[in-house]
C-alpha atoms as a PDB file:
ATOM      1  CA  MET A   1      19.500   3.276  28.416  1.00  0.00           C
ATOM      2  CA  SER A   2      16.691   5.761  27.798  1.00  0.00           C
ATOM      3  CA  LYS A   3      14.088   5.363  25.118  1.00  0.00           C
ATOM      4  CA  ARG A   4      14.460   7.485  22.027  1.00  0.00           C
ATOM      5  CA  LYS A   5      11.769  10.137  21.678  1.00  0.00           C
ATOM      6  CA  GLN A   6       9.457   9.450  18.777  1.00  0.00           C
ATOM      7  CA  PRO A   7       9.489  12.381  16.333  1.00  0.00           C
ATOM      8  CA  ASP A   8       6.247  14.101  15.441  1.00  0.00           C
ATOM      9  CA  TYR A   9       6.240  13.343  11.722  1.00  0.00           C
ATOM     10  CA  ILE A  10       3.029  15.204  10.908  1.00  0.00           C
ATOM     11  CA  THR A  11       4.270  18.462  12.421  1.00  0.00           C
ATOM     12  CA  MET A  12       7.683  17.984  10.838  1.00  0.00           C
ATOM     13  CA  ARG A  13       6.123  17.417   7.405  1.00  0.00           C
ATOM     14  CA  MET A  14       3.822  20.418   7.793  1.00  0.00           C
ATOM     15  CA  ASP A  15       6.873  22.591   8.527  1.00  0.00           C
ATOM     16  CA  GLN A  16       8.617  21.255   5.414  1.00  0.00           C
ATOM     17  CA  LEU A  17       5.556  21.961   3.278  1.00  0.00           C
ATOM     18  CA  MET A  18       5.294  25.510   4.658  1.00  0.00           C
ATOM     19  CA  GLU A  19       8.895  26.111   3.648  1.00  0.00           C
ATOM     20  CA  GLU A  20       8.204  24.765   0.159  1.00  0.00           C
ATOM     21  CA  ARG A  21       4.987  26.807  -0.093  1.00  0.00           C
ATOM     22  CA  ASP A  22       6.910  30.023   0.535  1.00  0.00           C
ATOM     23  CA  ASN A  23       9.500  29.251  -2.142  1.00  0.00           C
ATOM     24  CA  PRO A  24       9.551  32.232  -4.535  1.00  0.00           C
ATOM     25  CA  ASN A  25       9.987  29.903  -7.529  1.00  0.00           C
ATOM     26  CA  ASN A  26       6.504  28.417  -7.052  1.00  0.00           C
ATOM     27  CA  ASN A  27       3.592  29.581  -9.098  1.00  0.00           C
ATOM     28  CA  GLN A  28       0.216  30.365  -7.512  1.00  0.00           C
ATOM     29  CA  TYR A  29      -1.115  26.840  -8.027  1.00  0.00           C
ATOM     30  CA  ASP A  30       1.892  25.275  -6.293  1.00  0.00           C
ATOM     31  CA  SER A  31       1.394  27.508  -3.253  1.00  0.00           C
ATOM     32  CA  LEU A  32      -2.312  26.690  -3.118  1.00  0.00           C
ATOM     33  CA  TRP A  33      -1.569  22.977  -3.393  1.00  0.00           C
ATOM     34  CA  TYR A  34       0.936  23.148  -0.528  1.00  0.00           C
ATOM     35  CA  ASN A  35      -1.684  24.947   1.577  1.00  0.00           C
ATOM     36  CA  ARG A  36      -4.146  22.166   0.853  1.00  0.00           C
ATOM     37  CA  LEU A  37      -1.669  19.470   1.880  1.00  0.00           C
ATOM     38  CA  ILE A  38      -0.839  21.335   5.093  1.00  0.00           C
ATOM     39  CA  GLN A  39      -4.550  21.659   5.859  1.00  0.00           C
ATOM     40  CA  GLU A  40      -5.179  17.945   5.394  1.00  0.00           C
ATOM     41  CA  LEU A  41      -2.226  17.043   7.621  1.00  0.00           C
ATOM     42  CA  ASP A  42      -3.605  19.412  10.264  1.00  0.00           C
ATOM     43  CA  TRP A  43      -6.969  17.616  10.111  1.00  0.00           C
ATOM     44  CA  CYS A  44      -5.172  14.265  10.488  1.00  0.00           C
ATOM     45  CA  GLN A  45      -3.269  15.564  13.491  1.00  0.00           C
ATOM     46  CA  GLN A  46      -6.517  16.736  15.095  1.00  0.00           C
ATOM     47  CA  ALA A  47      -8.195  13.386  14.402  1.00  0.00           C
ATOM     48  CA  LEU A  48      -5.303  11.465  15.937  1.00  0.00           C
ATOM     49  CA  GLY A  49      -5.420  13.697  18.983  1.00  0.00           C
ATOM     50  CA  ASN A  50      -9.215  13.397  19.083  1.00  0.00           C
ATOM     51  CA  SER A  51      -9.521  17.186  19.231  1.00  0.00           C
ATOM     52  CA  LYS A  52     -11.417  19.335  16.785  1.00  0.00           C
ATOM     53  CA  GLN A  53      -9.897  22.746  17.473  1.00  0.00           C
ATOM     54  CA  ARG A  54     -10.323  24.392  14.093  1.00  0.00           C
ATOM     55  CA  ASN A  55     -11.502  23.714  10.580  1.00  0.00           C
ATOM     56  CA  CYS A  56      -8.615  25.366   8.766  1.00  0.00           C
ATOM     57  CA  PHE A  57      -4.981  25.405   9.858  1.00  0.00           C
ATOM     58  CA  MET A  58      -4.710  29.141   9.122  1.00  0.00           C
ATOM     59  CA  GLU A  59      -7.548  30.174  11.443  1.00  0.00           C
ATOM     60  CA  ASN A  60      -5.852  30.856  14.749  1.00  0.00           C
ATOM     61  CA  SER A  61      -2.149  30.159  14.804  1.00  0.00           C
ATOM     62  CA  ASN A  62       0.830  32.396  14.132  1.00  0.00           C
ATOM     63  CA  ARG A  63       2.863  29.264  13.420  1.00  0.00           C
ATOM     64  CA  PHE A  64       1.079  28.864  10.111  1.00  0.00           C
ATOM     65  CA  SER A  65       1.234  32.476   8.931  1.00  0.00           C
ATOM     66  CA  GLN A  66       1.984  32.852   5.269  1.00  0.00           C
ATOM     67  CA  GLN A  67       4.912  35.205   5.272  1.00  0.00           C
ATOM     68  CA  GLY A  68       5.689  35.732   1.638  1.00  0.00           C
ATOM     69  CA  ALA A  69       3.124  33.205   0.465  1.00  0.00           C
ATOM     70  CA  LYS A  70       1.112  34.080  -2.566  1.00  0.00           C
ATOM     71  CA  THR A  71      -2.491  34.951  -1.806  1.00  0.00           C
ATOM     72  CA  ALA A  72      -3.829  34.319  -5.285  1.00  0.00           C
ATOM     73  CA  ARG A  73      -7.007  32.334  -5.607  1.00  0.00           C
ATOM     74  CA  MET A  74      -7.724  29.509  -7.942  1.00  0.00           C
ATOM     75  CA  PRO A  75      -9.991  30.476 -10.813  1.00  0.00           C
ATOM     76  CA  LYS A  76     -13.533  29.234 -10.502  1.00  0.00           C
ATOM     77  CA  ALA A  77     -13.947  26.023 -12.410  1.00  0.00           C
ATOM     78  CA  VAL A  78     -17.141  24.802 -13.908  1.00  0.00           C
ATOM     79  CA  LEU A  79     -17.850  21.385 -12.450  1.00  0.00           C
ATOM     80  CA  LYS A  80     -20.304  19.184 -14.249  1.00  0.00           C
END
């Protein structure tokens, strides 16, 4: 009997979040929040693999392109 292949949960979750991010029913803040979650999971994946390839998941991969994602920016907040 062969061993079952362990799924890559981080990559799977990032794919799910990208699908949710591109949902047309989201507002701009939802899309930005999904991007943030995807970015943090990418950092975790790099840390687990002990490889620091990029700082942001959107830097150099077509896999993470934002087709249809909103490009709005969060308003600047005054932090005190």
